[in-house]
Amino acid sequence: MSYTYKRKINYYETDKMGIVHHSNYIRFLEEARCRWLEELNISMEKLEQLGYTIPTLEVDCKYKYHVTSGDIILIEPKISEFNGVRMTVEYKVIDEKTGKNVIEAWTKHCFTNTKLKPINMKKSNTDIYNIFEKLMNC
């Protein structure tokens, strides 16, 4: 299932040079990932109510092209690895106006209980496991 998160850049997210400060891209990725999960009816809030968290273990981001205040970026998250305990989400981030690739990025996560103990979703919640498994194969 393909999903695109559309995000307008705010002035306050830019630096003295007028471009998006590099730290904000990590926030944009999380926004896109959370909205995507909402669309799949497995929002972060729902997961927490069920006793699960998905902490971020790693982030990798290569900056390719800058965007500025008022620009619109399109973020397409995609699961590239998933084994029930860990997953990797890759992101395609494009400047809507120019079509240029803004960043190349991925985040790595694990599934845990509320005490941050890793869990296997295949054993813990097959419905949620099946959603992520299906996404990985898209």
C-alpha atoms as a PDB file:
ATOM      1  CA  MET A   1       0.000   0.000   0.000  1.00  0.00           C
ATOM      2  CA  SER A   2       1.528   3.246  -1.142  1.00  0.00           C
ATOM      3  CA  TYR A   3       1.152   6.300   1.084  1.00  0.00           C
ATOM      4  CA  THR A   4       2.282   9.895   0.572  1.00  0.00           C
ATOM      5  CA  TYR A   5       2.436  12.484   3.340  1.00  0.00           C
ATOM      6  CA  LYS A   6       2.304  16.058   2.068  1.00  0.00           C
ATOM      7  CA  ARG A   7       4.092  18.641   4.262  1.00  0.00           C
ATOM      8  CA  LYS A   8       4.428  22.402   3.856  1.00  0.00           C
ATOM      9  CA  ILE A   9       7.632  23.856   5.285  1.00  0.00           C
ATOM     10  CA  ASN A  10       7.136  26.538   7.934  1.00  0.00           C
ATOM     11  CA  TYR A  11       9.347  29.611   8.253  1.00  0.00           C
ATOM     12  CA  TYR A  12      10.346  28.715  11.822  1.00  0.00           C
ATOM     13  CA  GLU A  13      11.785  25.402  10.569  1.00  0.00           C
ATOM     14  CA  THR A  14      14.477  27.187   8.577  1.00  0.00           C
ATOM     15  CA  ASP A  15      17.891  28.382   9.685  1.00  0.00           C
ATOM     16  CA  LYS A  16      19.774  31.647   9.180  1.00  0.00           C
ATOM     17  CA  MET A  17      20.484  30.628   5.567  1.00  0.00           C
ATOM     18  CA  GLY A  18      16.749  30.268   4.887  1.00  0.00           C
ATOM     19  CA  ILE A  19      16.805  26.500   4.373  1.00  0.00           C
ATOM     20  CA  VAL A  20      15.236  23.794   6.518  1.00  0.00           C
ATOM     21  CA  HIS A  21      17.454  23.081   9.503  1.00  0.00           C
ATOM     22  CA  HIS A  22      18.825  19.551   9.190  1.00  0.00           C
ATOM     23  CA  SER A  23      17.351  18.414  12.536  1.00  0.00           C
ATOM     24  CA  ASN A  24      13.784  19.044  11.340  1.00  0.00           C
ATOM     25  CA  TYR A  25      13.936  16.275   8.751  1.00  0.00           C
ATOM     26  CA  ILE A  26      13.901  13.687  11.549  1.00  0.00           C
ATOM     27  CA  ARG A  27      10.651  15.241  12.807  1.00  0.00           C
ATOM     28  CA  PHE A  28       9.189  15.193   9.298  1.00  0.00           C
ATOM     29  CA  LEU A  29       9.968  11.485   8.979  1.00  0.00           C
ATOM     30  CA  GLU A  30       8.254  10.760  12.284  1.00  0.00           C
ATOM     31  CA  GLU A  31       5.214  12.835  11.272  1.00  0.00           C
ATOM     32  CA  ALA A  32       4.929  10.880   8.034  1.00  0.00           C
ATOM     33  CA  ARG A  33       5.368   7.524   9.773  1.00  0.00           C
ATOM     34  CA  CYS A  34       2.750   8.352  12.432  1.00  0.00           C
ATOM     35  CA  ARG A  35       0.197   9.602   9.870  1.00  0.00           C
ATOM     36  CA  TRP A  36       0.815   6.500   7.777  1.00  0.00           C
ATOM     37  CA  LEU A  37       0.107   4.267  10.769  1.00  0.00           C
ATOM     38  CA  GLU A  38      -3.077   6.259  11.452  1.00  0.00           C
ATOM     39  CA  GLU A  39      -4.204   5.589   7.877  1.00  0.00           C
ATOM     40  CA  LEU A  40      -3.616   1.882   8.531  1.00  0.00           C
ATOM     41  CA  ASN A  41      -5.750   2.090  11.703  1.00  0.00           C
ATOM     42  CA  ILE A  42      -2.783   1.283  13.929  1.00  0.00           C
ATOM     43  CA  SER A  43      -1.966   4.728  15.291  1.00  0.00           C
ATOM     44  CA  MET A  44       0.722   5.178  17.906  1.00  0.00           C
ATOM     45  CA  GLU A  45      -2.028   5.916  20.423  1.00  0.00           C
ATOM     46  CA  LYS A  46      -3.805   2.657  19.586  1.00  0.00           C
ATOM     47  CA  LEU A  47      -0.565   0.698  19.837  1.00  0.00           C
ATOM     48  CA  GLU A  48       0.137   2.256  23.238  1.00  0.00           C
ATOM     49  CA  GLN A  49      -3.387   1.404  24.430  1.00  0.00           C
ATOM     50  CA  LEU A  50      -2.663  -2.206  23.445  1.00  0.00           C
ATOM     51  CA  GLY A  51       0.574  -2.089  25.454  1.00  0.00           C
ATOM     52  CA  TYR A  52       3.094  -1.664  22.627  1.00  0.00           C
ATOM     53  CA  THR A  53       5.708   0.919  21.713  1.00  0.00           C
ATOM     54  CA  ILE A  54       7.919   1.215  18.644  1.00  0.00           C
ATOM     55  CA  PRO A  55      11.075   3.063  19.735  1.00  0.00           C
ATOM     56  CA  THR A  56      13.529   4.314  17.138  1.00  0.00           C
ATOM     57  CA  LEU A  57      16.878   2.531  17.288  1.00  0.00           C
ATOM     58  CA  GLU A  58      18.715   4.229  14.410  1.00  0.00           C
ATOM     59  CA  VAL A  59      18.275   7.027  11.903  1.00  0.00           C
ATOM     60  CA  ASP A  60      20.244   7.561   8.724  1.00  0.00           C
ATOM     61  CA  CYS A  61      19.742  10.676   6.612  1.00  0.00           C
ATOM     62  CA  LYS A  62      21.643  11.894   3.572  1.00  0.00           C
ATOM     63  CA  TYR A  63      20.868  15.443   2.537  1.00  0.00           C
ATOM     64  CA  LYS A  64      20.619  15.775  -1.234  1.00  0.00           C
ATOM     65  CA  TYR A  65      18.751  19.026  -1.966  1.00  0.00           C
ATOM     66  CA  HIS A  66      17.508  21.890   0.187  1.00  0.00           C
ATOM     67  CA  VAL A  67      13.978  23.204   0.650  1.00  0.00           C
ATOM     68  CA  THR A  68      12.863  26.505   2.111  1.00  0.00           C
ATOM     69  CA  SER A  69       9.882  28.118   3.797  1.00  0.00           C
ATOM     70  CA  GLY A  70       6.691  27.628   1.801  1.00  0.00           C
ATOM     71  CA  ASP A  71       7.992  24.630  -0.150  1.00  0.00           C
ATOM     72  CA  ILE A  72       6.006  21.412  -0.040  1.00  0.00           C
ATOM     73  CA  ILE A  73       7.662  18.060   0.399  1.00  0.00           C
ATOM     74  CA  LEU A  74       6.161  14.640  -0.287  1.00  0.00           C
ATOM     75  CA  ILE A  75       7.234  11.836   2.032  1.00  0.00           C
ATOM     76  CA  GLU A  76       6.624   8.216   1.093  1.00  0.00           C
ATOM     77  CA  PRO A  77       7.446   5.724   3.858  1.00  0.00           C
ATOM     78  CA  LYS A  78       7.989   2.058   2.995  1.00  0.00           C
ATOM     79  CA  ILE A  79       8.911  -0.910   5.154  1.00  0.00           C
ATOM     80  CA  SER A  80      12.035  -2.512   3.740  1.00  0.00           C
ATOM     81  CA  GLU A  81      12.775  -4.985   6.558  1.00  0.00           C
ATOM     82  CA  PHE A  82      10.476  -6.634   9.096  1.00  0.00           C
ATOM     83  CA  ASN A  83      10.864  -9.758  11.202  1.00  0.00           C
ATOM     84  CA  GLY A  84       8.210  -9.272  13.892  1.00  0.00           C
ATOM     85  CA  VAL A  85      10.653  -7.786  16.412  1.00  0.00           C
ATOM     86  CA  ARG A  86      12.431  -5.153  14.307  1.00  0.00           C
ATOM     87  CA  MET A  87      11.642  -3.172  11.202  1.00  0.00           C
ATOM     88  CA  THR A  88      13.291  -0.669   8.912  1.00  0.00           C
ATOM     89  CA  VAL A  89      11.319   2.111   7.259  1.00  0.00           C
ATOM     90  CA  GLU A  90      12.809   3.799   4.188  1.00  0.00           C
ATOM     91  CA  TYR A  91      11.610   7.219   3.090  1.00  0.00           C
ATOM     92  CA  LYS A  92      11.407   8.839  -0.306  1.00  0.00           C
ATOM     93  CA  VAL A  93      11.321  12.629   0.232  1.00  0.00           C
ATOM     94  CA  ILE A  94      10.659  14.770  -2.832  1.00  0.00           C
ATOM     95  CA  ASP A  95      10.282  18.510  -3.402  1.00  0.00           C
ATOM     96  CA  GLU A  96       6.783  18.739  -4.894  1.00  0.00           C
ATOM     97  CA  LYS A  97       7.617  21.675  -7.159  1.00  0.00           C
ATOM     98  CA  THR A  98      10.952  20.536  -8.583  1.00  0.00           C
ATOM     99  CA  GLY A  99      10.624  16.764  -8.229  1.00  0.00           C
ATOM    100  CA  LYS A 100      14.114  16.679  -6.732  1.00  0.00           C
ATOM    101  CA  ASN A 101      15.074  14.119  -4.124  1.00  0.00           C
ATOM    102  CA  VAL A 102      15.473  16.123  -0.889  1.00  0.00           C
ATOM    103  CA  ILE A 103      16.875  13.417   1.389  1.00  0.00           C
ATOM    104  CA  GLU A 104      17.567   9.702   1.398  1.00  0.00           C
ATOM    105  CA  ALA A 105      16.655   8.302   4.802  1.00  0.00           C
ATOM    106  CA  TRP A 106      15.711   5.276   6.843  1.00  0.00           C
ATOM    107  CA  THR A 107      14.774   4.590  10.443  1.00  0.00           C
ATOM    108  CA  LYS A 108      15.126   1.346  12.373  1.00  0.00           C
ATOM    109  CA  HIS A 109      12.654   0.384  15.088  1.00  0.00           C
ATOM    110  CA  CYS A 110      11.821  -2.456  17.424  1.00  0.00           C
ATOM    111  CA  PHE A 111       8.544  -3.521  18.973  1.00  0.00           C
ATOM    112  CA  THR A 112       8.449  -3.474  22.767  1.00  0.00           C
ATOM    113  CA  ASN A 113       6.025  -3.728  25.637  1.00  0.00           C
ATOM    114  CA  THR A 114       5.432  -0.745  27.926  1.00  0.00           C
ATOM    115  CA  LYS A 115       8.525  -1.691  29.957  1.00  0.00           C
ATOM    116  CA  LEU A 116      10.595  -1.434  26.756  1.00  0.00           C
ATOM    117  CA  LYS A 117      11.222  -5.189  26.622  1.00  0.00           C
ATOM    118  CA  PRO A 118      11.437  -6.370  22.990  1.00  0.00           C
ATOM    119  CA  ILE A 119       8.504  -8.486  21.848  1.00  0.00           C
ATOM    120  CA  ASN A 120       7.719 -10.515  18.769  1.00  0.00           C
ATOM    121  CA  MET A 121       4.514  -9.183  17.214  1.00  0.00           C
ATOM    122  CA  LYS A 122       3.935 -12.502  15.444  1.00  0.00           C
ATOM    123  CA  LYS A 123       3.496 -14.124  18.858  1.00  0.00           C
ATOM    124  CA  SER A 124       2.010 -11.124  20.666  1.00  0.00           C
ATOM    125  CA  ASN A 125      -0.526  -9.747  18.162  1.00  0.00           C
ATOM    126  CA  THR A 126      -0.975 -11.552  14.846  1.00  0.00           C
ATOM    127  CA  ASP A 127      -3.382  -8.929  13.488  1.00  0.00           C
ATOM    128  CA  ILE A 128      -0.783  -6.162  13.810  1.00  0.00           C
ATOM    129  CA  TYR A 129       1.979  -8.502  12.665  1.00  0.00           C
ATOM    130  CA  ASN A 130       0.017  -9.308   9.499  1.00  0.00           C
ATOM    131  CA  ILE A 131      -0.435  -5.600   8.696  1.00  0.00           C
ATOM    132  CA  PHE A 132       3.314  -4.955   8.887  1.00  0.00           C
ATOM    133  CA  GLU A 133       4.130  -8.184   7.057  1.00  0.00           C
ATOM    134  CA  LYS A 134       1.799  -7.200   4.224  1.00  0.00           C
ATOM    135  CA  LEU A 135       3.365  -3.722   4.044  1.00  0.00           C
ATOM    136  CA  MET A 136       6.823  -5.193   3.773  1.00  0.00           C
ATOM    137  CA  ASN A 137       5.787  -7.201   0.771  1.00  0.00           C
ATOM    138  CA  CYS A 138       4.287  -4.208  -1.073  1.00  0.00           C
END
